[in-house]
Amino acid sequence: MTQLLALILQAPGPRPAGPAPGATPPIFGYIPIIIFFLIAVAVPFALLGLSKLLQRKVYGREKLMPYECGVEPIGDARERFSVRFYIVAMLFLVFDVETIFLFPWAIIYDKLALFGLVEMLLFIGILVVGYYYAWRKGALEWA
């Protein structure tokens, strides 16, 4: 009992209500973040304004024409495209999406061991057969 009483008497009293001497108020910790935010907002506006001041203001007929992938925009807007264009686009999408499956396999390759290697070789083999089939049918011929 006397030991408990001695511990209670030695315990420090209540702390004062103000900040500790030498401590900065917590609001000052946000000043670097605010400065960084202001710089991040000011730099794009400054660069856009600078480019607006330095740009050449020479406009001609060719400069004002719409540009569409190197093709002259003269003619009917409802021009027909060859079906080969769409076939090549679809083949690109199909095979491109299929190869996305290589990424997760590469991430866990060490866990899959020999089984994963065989499965991926089979998968790539099917893709190669698909490419060969499309090539032999002439689907990859542009003209």
Protein backbone atom coordinates (compact mmCIF):
# COMPACT_ATOMS: atom_id res chain seq x y z
CA MET A 1 0.00 0.00 0.00
CA THR A 2 2.80 2.37 0.80
CA GLN A 3 4.40 1.65 -2.56
CA LEU A 4 1.19 2.55 -4.37
CA LEU A 5 0.91 5.76 -2.38
CA ALA A 6 4.53 6.61 -3.25
CA LEU A 7 3.84 6.08 -6.97
CA ILE A 8 0.78 8.31 -6.85
CA LEU A 9 2.71 11.06 -5.10
CA GLN A 10 5.59 10.83 -7.62
CA ALA A 11 3.29 10.93 -10.69
CA PRO A 12 3.50 14.20 -12.60
CA GLY A 13 0.63 16.61 -12.22
CA PRO A 14 -1.75 17.71 -14.97
CA ARG A 15 -0.14 19.31 -18.00
CA PRO A 16 -0.69 22.97 -18.79
CA ALA A 17 -3.37 23.73 -21.38
CA GLY A 18 -1.10 25.56 -23.89
CA PRO A 19 1.36 24.14 -26.40
CA ALA A 20 4.64 22.77 -25.18
CA PRO A 21 7.48 25.31 -25.13
CA GLY A 22 9.27 25.37 -28.49
CA ALA A 23 6.46 23.52 -30.34
CA THR A 24 4.89 25.04 -33.43
CA PRO A 25 1.13 25.11 -33.85
CA PRO A 26 -0.21 22.28 -36.07
CA ILE A 27 -1.51 24.65 -38.75
CA PHE A 28 2.04 25.58 -39.77
CA GLY A 29 2.63 21.98 -40.88
CA TYR A 30 0.27 22.57 -43.82
CA ILE A 31 2.17 25.53 -45.24
CA PRO A 32 4.50 23.42 -47.48
CA ILE A 33 1.48 21.55 -48.85
CA ILE A 34 -0.32 24.81 -49.64
CA ILE A 35 2.79 26.22 -51.34
CA PHE A 36 3.16 23.05 -53.43
CA PHE A 37 -0.51 23.21 -54.43
CA LEU A 38 -0.22 26.86 -55.46
CA ILE A 39 2.86 26.11 -57.57
CA ALA A 40 1.10 23.12 -59.17
CA VAL A 41 -1.82 25.37 -60.15
CA ALA A 42 0.32 28.34 -61.25
CA VAL A 43 2.82 26.50 -63.50
CA PRO A 44 0.30 25.25 -66.12
CA PHE A 45 -1.34 28.68 -66.36
CA ALA A 46 2.06 30.37 -66.68
CA LEU A 47 3.20 27.96 -69.42
CA LEU A 48 -0.06 28.29 -71.35
CA GLY A 49 0.15 32.07 -71.14
CA LEU A 50 3.79 32.04 -72.26
CA SER A 51 3.00 29.83 -75.24
CA LYS A 52 0.11 32.13 -76.17
CA LEU A 53 2.53 35.10 -76.18
CA LEU A 54 5.23 33.33 -78.20
CA GLN A 55 3.11 31.56 -80.82
CA ARG A 56 3.20 32.51 -84.47
CA LYS A 57 -0.02 34.05 -85.67
CA VAL A 58 0.22 33.14 -89.35
CA TYR A 59 -2.92 31.48 -90.63
CA GLY A 60 -3.38 30.34 -94.18
CA ARG A 61 -5.89 28.21 -96.04
CA GLU A 62 -3.96 25.00 -95.42
CA LYS A 63 -3.47 25.81 -91.74
CA LEU A 64 -7.21 26.27 -91.22
CA MET A 65 -8.22 23.06 -93.04
CA PRO A 66 -9.29 20.09 -90.93
CA TYR A 67 -6.67 17.36 -90.74
CA GLU A 68 -7.65 13.70 -90.63
CA CYS A 69 -4.80 11.19 -90.43
CA GLY A 70 -2.94 12.44 -93.48
CA VAL A 71 -5.95 12.06 -95.77
CA GLU A 72 -7.13 15.14 -97.62
CA PRO A 73 -10.58 16.05 -96.26
CA ILE A 74 -12.03 16.74 -99.69
CA GLY A 75 -14.96 14.75 -100.96
CA ASP A 76 -18.09 13.16 -99.60
CA ALA A 77 -18.24 12.60 -95.85
CA ARG A 78 -20.11 9.33 -96.38
CA GLU A 79 -17.28 7.58 -98.22
CA ARG A 80 -17.33 3.79 -98.02
CA PHE A 81 -14.41 1.89 -96.54
CA SER A 82 -13.31 -1.53 -97.63
CA VAL A 83 -14.39 -4.39 -95.38
CA ARG A 84 -10.71 -5.34 -95.08
CA PHE A 85 -10.14 -2.23 -92.98
CA TYR A 86 -12.64 -3.49 -90.42
CA ILE A 87 -11.30 -7.05 -90.53
CA VAL A 88 -7.77 -5.87 -89.81
CA ALA A 89 -9.07 -3.65 -86.99
CA MET A 90 -11.03 -6.53 -85.43
CA LEU A 91 -8.07 -8.90 -85.73
CA PHE A 92 -5.84 -6.34 -84.04
CA LEU A 93 -8.31 -5.92 -81.18
CA VAL A 94 -8.85 -9.65 -80.70
CA PHE A 95 -5.18 -10.58 -80.69
CA ASP A 96 -4.16 -7.51 -78.70
CA VAL A 97 -6.68 -8.26 -75.95
CA GLU A 98 -5.60 -11.89 -75.91
CA THR A 99 -1.99 -10.96 -75.34
CA ILE A 100 -3.01 -8.93 -72.27
CA PHE A 101 -3.35 -12.31 -70.56
CA LEU A 102 0.44 -12.63 -70.68
CA PHE A 103 0.90 -9.98 -67.99
CA PRO A 104 -0.82 -11.77 -65.07
CA TRP A 105 0.93 -14.98 -66.09
CA ALA A 106 4.31 -13.21 -65.97
CA ILE A 107 3.53 -11.86 -62.49
CA ILE A 108 2.89 -15.30 -60.94
CA TYR A 109 5.18 -17.32 -63.22
CA ASP A 110 7.28 -18.67 -60.33
CA LYS A 111 4.18 -20.02 -58.56
CA LEU A 112 2.83 -21.80 -61.65
CA ALA A 113 6.08 -23.65 -62.41
CA LEU A 114 6.01 -26.18 -65.28
CA PHE A 115 2.20 -26.29 -65.46
CA GLY A 116 2.05 -22.52 -66.12
CA LEU A 117 4.76 -22.75 -68.77
CA VAL A 118 2.94 -25.52 -70.65
CA GLU A 119 -0.38 -23.66 -70.44
CA MET A 120 1.16 -20.44 -71.75
CA LEU A 121 2.94 -22.25 -74.59
CA LEU A 122 -0.41 -23.77 -75.53
CA PHE A 123 -2.07 -20.35 -75.37
CA ILE A 124 0.64 -18.75 -77.55
CA GLY A 125 0.40 -21.70 -79.94
CA ILE A 126 -3.32 -21.07 -80.40
CA LEU A 127 -2.59 -17.39 -81.09
CA VAL A 128 0.04 -18.30 -83.69
CA VAL A 129 -2.39 -20.70 -85.39
CA GLY A 130 -4.98 -17.89 -85.45
CA TYR A 131 -2.51 -15.46 -86.99
CA TYR A 132 -1.47 -18.05 -89.57
CA TYR A 133 -5.10 -18.74 -90.47
CA ALA A 134 -5.84 -15.00 -90.87
CA TRP A 135 -2.69 -14.55 -92.94
CA ARG A 136 -3.51 -17.47 -95.26
CA LYS A 137 -7.08 -16.20 -95.77
CA GLY A 138 -5.68 -12.80 -96.80
CA ALA A 139 -7.21 -10.90 -93.90
CA LEU A 140 -3.92 -9.13 -93.19
CA GLU A 141 -3.51 -7.84 -96.76
CA TRP A 142 -4.20 -4.12 -96.73
CA ALA A 143 -4.62 -3.40 -100.44
